[in-house]
Amino acid sequence: MQNHWIVDLNFEEDENRTSCTASLSGFSAPGVRGVGVARRNPDDTPDSTIGEELAAARACSNLAHELINKAASGIEDHTHRRANLIF
């Protein structure tokens, strides 16, 4: 069996902050999402690309941690023991 998940990144921005939500779509994709935020230093020149990249990286990192937590819960449900997953 082959699975294919797509990571969707959605952004919201204002002049000082960019937030990103990372979610998975596709057949049997788990219902988890990650959130990341980037804040611009008031002394820096506005650059939306940098804010999006940083917010996306943080959202994807958070998504990865949420997936690990979901996998750990699944392991614990099957084994009735505490999962020791290292990330």
N, C-alpha and C. Protein backbone atom coordinates (compact mmCIF):
# COMPACT_ATOMS: atom_id res chain seq x y z
N MET A 1 0.83 -1.18 0.00
CA MET A 1 0.00 0.00 0.00
C MET A 1 0.88 1.25 0.00
N GLN A 2 0.48 2.21 -0.76
CA GLN A 2 1.23 3.46 -0.84
C GLN A 2 0.34 4.61 -0.41
N ASN A 3 0.86 5.46 0.42
CA ASN A 3 0.14 6.63 0.90
C ASN A 3 0.80 7.89 0.38
N HIS A 4 0.02 8.95 0.25
CA HIS A 4 0.56 10.23 -0.19
C HIS A 4 -0.12 11.33 0.61
N TRP A 5 0.66 12.05 1.39
CA TRP A 5 0.14 13.18 2.17
C TRP A 5 0.70 14.47 1.61
N ILE A 6 -0.08 15.49 1.69
CA ILE A 6 0.36 16.81 1.24
C ILE A 6 0.36 17.74 2.45
N VAL A 7 1.43 18.52 2.58
CA VAL A 7 1.50 19.51 3.65
C VAL A 7 0.97 20.83 3.09
N ASP A 8 -0.07 21.33 3.71
CA ASP A 8 -0.66 22.62 3.34
C ASP A 8 -0.17 23.67 4.33
N LEU A 9 0.36 24.77 3.80
CA LEU A 9 0.82 25.89 4.62
C LEU A 9 -0.08 27.08 4.35
N ASN A 10 -0.70 27.59 5.40
CA ASN A 10 -1.56 28.76 5.28
C ASN A 10 -1.01 29.89 6.15
N PHE A 11 -0.91 31.07 5.56
CA PHE A 11 -0.28 32.20 6.24
C PHE A 11 -1.28 33.31 6.53
N GLU A 12 -1.02 34.00 7.64
CA GLU A 12 -1.70 35.25 7.97
C GLU A 12 -0.61 36.23 8.37
N GLU A 13 -0.71 37.44 7.84
CA GLU A 13 0.34 38.42 8.09
C GLU A 13 -0.24 39.79 8.44
N ASP A 14 0.51 40.52 9.26
CA ASP A 14 0.30 41.95 9.41
C ASP A 14 1.68 42.59 9.30
N GLU A 15 1.82 43.84 9.62
CA GLU A 15 3.12 44.50 9.39
C GLU A 15 4.23 44.03 10.32
N ASN A 16 3.91 43.37 11.42
CA ASN A 16 4.94 42.96 12.37
C ASN A 16 4.97 41.47 12.67
N ARG A 17 4.02 40.71 12.14
CA ARG A 17 3.92 39.31 12.54
C ARG A 17 3.40 38.47 11.38
N THR A 18 3.97 37.27 11.24
CA THR A 18 3.50 36.29 10.27
C THR A 18 3.21 35.00 11.02
N SER A 19 2.03 34.45 10.84
CA SER A 19 1.71 33.15 11.44
C SER A 19 1.44 32.16 10.31
N CYS A 20 1.73 30.90 10.59
CA CYS A 20 1.54 29.85 9.61
C CYS A 20 0.92 28.64 10.30
N THR A 21 -0.02 28.03 9.62
CA THR A 21 -0.59 26.76 10.07
C THR A 21 -0.22 25.71 9.04
N ALA A 22 0.39 24.62 9.50
CA ALA A 22 0.76 23.50 8.64
C ALA A 22 -0.19 22.35 8.94
N SER A 23 -0.84 21.84 7.91
CA SER A 23 -1.76 20.72 8.10
C SER A 23 -1.53 19.70 6.99
N LEU A 24 -1.98 18.48 7.25
CA LEU A 24 -1.82 17.40 6.28
C LEU A 24 -3.14 17.10 5.62
N SER A 25 -3.08 16.82 4.32
CA SER A 25 -4.26 16.36 3.60
C SER A 25 -3.86 15.13 2.79
N GLY A 26 -4.84 14.35 2.43
CA GLY A 26 -4.59 13.13 1.68
C GLY A 26 -5.26 11.96 2.35
N PHE A 27 -5.33 10.86 1.63
CA PHE A 27 -5.98 9.66 2.13
C PHE A 27 -5.32 9.21 3.43
N SER A 28 -6.09 9.03 4.44
CA SER A 28 -5.68 8.57 5.78
C SER A 28 -4.68 9.49 6.48
N ALA A 29 -4.60 10.74 6.04
CA ALA A 29 -3.71 11.69 6.73
C ALA A 29 -4.25 11.92 8.15
N PRO A 30 -3.36 11.88 9.14
CA PRO A 30 -3.83 12.10 10.51
C PRO A 30 -4.30 13.55 10.70
N GLY A 31 -5.22 13.72 11.59
CA GLY A 31 -5.78 15.05 11.83
C GLY A 31 -4.94 15.85 12.80
N VAL A 32 -3.73 16.16 12.42
CA VAL A 32 -2.87 16.99 13.27
C VAL A 32 -2.46 18.22 12.47
N ARG A 33 -2.08 19.25 13.22
CA ARG A 33 -1.60 20.46 12.56
C ARG A 33 -0.55 21.11 13.44
N GLY A 34 0.26 21.93 12.81
CA GLY A 34 1.29 22.66 13.53
C GLY A 34 1.12 24.15 13.30
N VAL A 35 1.57 24.92 14.26
CA VAL A 35 1.46 26.37 14.18
C VAL A 35 2.83 26.99 14.43
N GLY A 36 3.15 28.02 13.67
CA GLY A 36 4.41 28.74 13.85
C GLY A 36 4.19 30.23 13.66
N VAL A 37 4.98 31.02 14.37
CA VAL A 37 4.85 32.48 14.30
C VAL A 37 6.24 33.09 14.16
N ALA A 38 6.33 34.14 13.37
CA ALA A 38 7.55 34.94 13.25
C ALA A 38 7.17 36.40 13.53
N ARG A 39 7.99 37.04 14.33
CA ARG A 39 7.75 38.46 14.64
C ARG A 39 8.93 39.29 14.14
N ARG A 40 8.61 40.40 13.50
CA ARG A 40 9.66 41.27 12.98
C ARG A 40 10.13 42.22 14.08
N ASN A 41 11.43 42.35 14.19
CA ASN A 41 12.00 43.35 15.08
C ASN A 41 11.65 44.72 14.51
N PRO A 42 11.14 45.63 15.31
CA PRO A 42 10.74 46.95 14.79
C PRO A 42 11.87 47.70 14.09
N ASP A 43 13.12 47.37 14.40
CA ASP A 43 14.25 48.04 13.76
C ASP A 43 14.59 47.45 12.39
N ASP A 44 14.02 46.29 12.05
CA ASP A 44 14.32 45.63 10.78
C ASP A 44 13.43 46.15 9.66
N THR A 45 13.95 46.08 8.45
CA THR A 45 13.17 46.43 7.27
C THR A 45 12.16 45.32 7.01
N PRO A 46 10.90 45.65 6.72
CA PRO A 46 9.91 44.61 6.44
C PRO A 46 10.32 43.74 5.25
N ASP A 47 10.20 42.44 5.40
CA ASP A 47 10.46 41.48 4.32
C ASP A 47 9.55 40.28 4.56
N SER A 48 8.45 40.21 3.83
CA SER A 48 7.45 39.16 4.07
C SER A 48 8.01 37.77 3.78
N THR A 49 8.97 37.66 2.87
CA THR A 49 9.53 36.35 2.55
C THR A 49 10.22 35.74 3.76
N ILE A 50 11.00 36.53 4.47
CA ILE A 50 11.70 36.02 5.66
C ILE A 50 10.70 35.60 6.72
N GLY A 51 9.68 36.40 6.96
CA GLY A 51 8.66 36.05 7.94
C GLY A 51 7.93 34.77 7.58
N GLU A 52 7.60 34.59 6.29
CA GLU A 52 6.93 33.37 5.86
C GLU A 52 7.82 32.15 6.03
N GLU A 53 9.09 32.29 5.66
CA GLU A 53 10.02 31.16 5.79
C GLU A 53 10.17 30.73 7.24
N LEU A 54 10.35 31.69 8.11
CA LEU A 54 10.53 31.37 9.53
C LEU A 54 9.26 30.81 10.15
N ALA A 55 8.12 31.42 9.87
CA ALA A 55 6.85 30.91 10.40
C ALA A 55 6.56 29.51 9.86
N ALA A 56 6.84 29.27 8.57
CA ALA A 56 6.62 27.95 7.98
C ALA A 56 7.52 26.91 8.62
N ALA A 57 8.79 27.24 8.83
CA ALA A 57 9.72 26.31 9.47
C ALA A 57 9.24 25.95 10.88
N ARG A 58 8.78 26.93 11.61
CA ARG A 58 8.29 26.67 12.97
C ARG A 58 7.00 25.85 12.94
N ALA A 59 6.13 26.11 11.99
CA ALA A 59 4.88 25.35 11.88
C ALA A 59 5.17 23.89 11.51
N CYS A 60 6.11 23.68 10.58
CA CYS A 60 6.47 22.31 10.18
C CYS A 60 7.14 21.56 11.33
N SER A 61 7.96 22.25 12.09
CA SER A 61 8.59 21.62 13.27
C SER A 61 7.52 21.23 14.28
N ASN A 62 6.57 22.11 14.52
CA ASN A 62 5.48 21.81 15.44
C ASN A 62 4.63 20.65 14.92
N LEU A 63 4.39 20.62 13.61
CA LEU A 63 3.64 19.52 12.99
C LEU A 63 4.38 18.20 13.20
N ALA A 64 5.68 18.21 13.03
CA ALA A 64 6.47 16.99 13.24
C ALA A 64 6.33 16.49 14.67
N HIS A 65 6.39 17.39 15.63
CA HIS A 65 6.23 16.99 17.03
C HIS A 65 4.82 16.45 17.30
N GLU A 66 3.82 17.04 16.68
CA GLU A 66 2.45 16.55 16.85
C GLU A 66 2.30 15.14 16.26
N LEU A 67 2.95 14.88 15.12
CA LEU A 67 2.90 13.55 14.52
C LEU A 67 3.58 12.51 15.42
N ILE A 68 4.72 12.90 16.01
CA ILE A 68 5.41 11.99 16.93
C ILE A 68 4.53 11.69 18.14
N ASN A 69 3.88 12.72 18.68
CA ASN A 69 2.99 12.50 19.82
C ASN A 69 1.84 11.57 19.46
N LYS A 70 1.28 11.74 18.26
CA LYS A 70 0.19 10.88 17.81
C LYS A 70 0.68 9.44 17.65
N ALA A 71 1.86 9.26 17.08
CA ALA A 71 2.43 7.92 16.93
C ALA A 71 2.69 7.29 18.30
N ALA A 72 3.20 8.07 19.23
CA ALA A 72 3.46 7.56 20.58
C ALA A 72 2.17 7.11 21.23
N SER A 73 1.10 7.86 21.06
CA SER A 73 -0.20 7.46 21.62
C SER A 73 -0.68 6.15 21.00
N GLY A 74 -0.47 5.99 19.70
CA GLY A 74 -0.85 4.75 19.03
C GLY A 74 -0.07 3.56 19.55
N ILE A 75 1.23 3.76 19.75
CA ILE A 75 2.07 2.69 20.30
C ILE A 75 1.59 2.32 21.70
N GLU A 76 1.33 3.33 22.50
CA GLU A 76 0.88 3.07 23.88
C GLU A 76 -0.47 2.37 23.92
N ASP A 77 -1.36 2.70 22.98
CA ASP A 77 -2.66 2.03 22.92
C ASP A 77 -2.49 0.54 22.59
N HIS A 78 -1.52 0.22 21.74
CA HIS A 78 -1.30 -1.18 21.34
C HIS A 78 -0.51 -1.97 22.38
N THR A 79 0.47 -1.34 23.00
CA THR A 79 1.37 -2.08 23.89
C THR A 79 1.00 -1.94 25.37
N HIS A 80 0.20 -0.93 25.69
CA HIS A 80 -0.16 -0.63 27.08
C HIS A 80 1.09 -0.31 27.90
N ARG A 81 2.08 0.25 27.22
CA ARG A 81 3.32 0.70 27.86
C ARG A 81 3.64 2.10 27.34
N ARG A 82 4.42 2.80 28.13
CA ARG A 82 4.84 4.15 27.74
C ARG A 82 5.80 4.06 26.55
N ALA A 83 5.51 4.82 25.52
CA ALA A 83 6.38 4.87 24.34
C ALA A 83 7.55 5.79 24.63
N ASN A 84 8.72 5.39 24.19
CA ASN A 84 9.92 6.20 24.38
C ASN A 84 10.49 6.56 23.01
N LEU A 85 9.85 7.53 22.37
CA LEU A 85 10.29 7.98 21.05
C LEU A 85 11.21 9.18 21.20
N ILE A 86 12.30 9.16 20.51
CA ILE A 86 13.27 10.26 20.56
C ILE A 86 13.18 11.05 19.27
N PHE A 87 13.14 12.35 19.40
CA PHE A 87 13.08 13.21 18.23
C PHE A 87 14.22 14.18 18.27
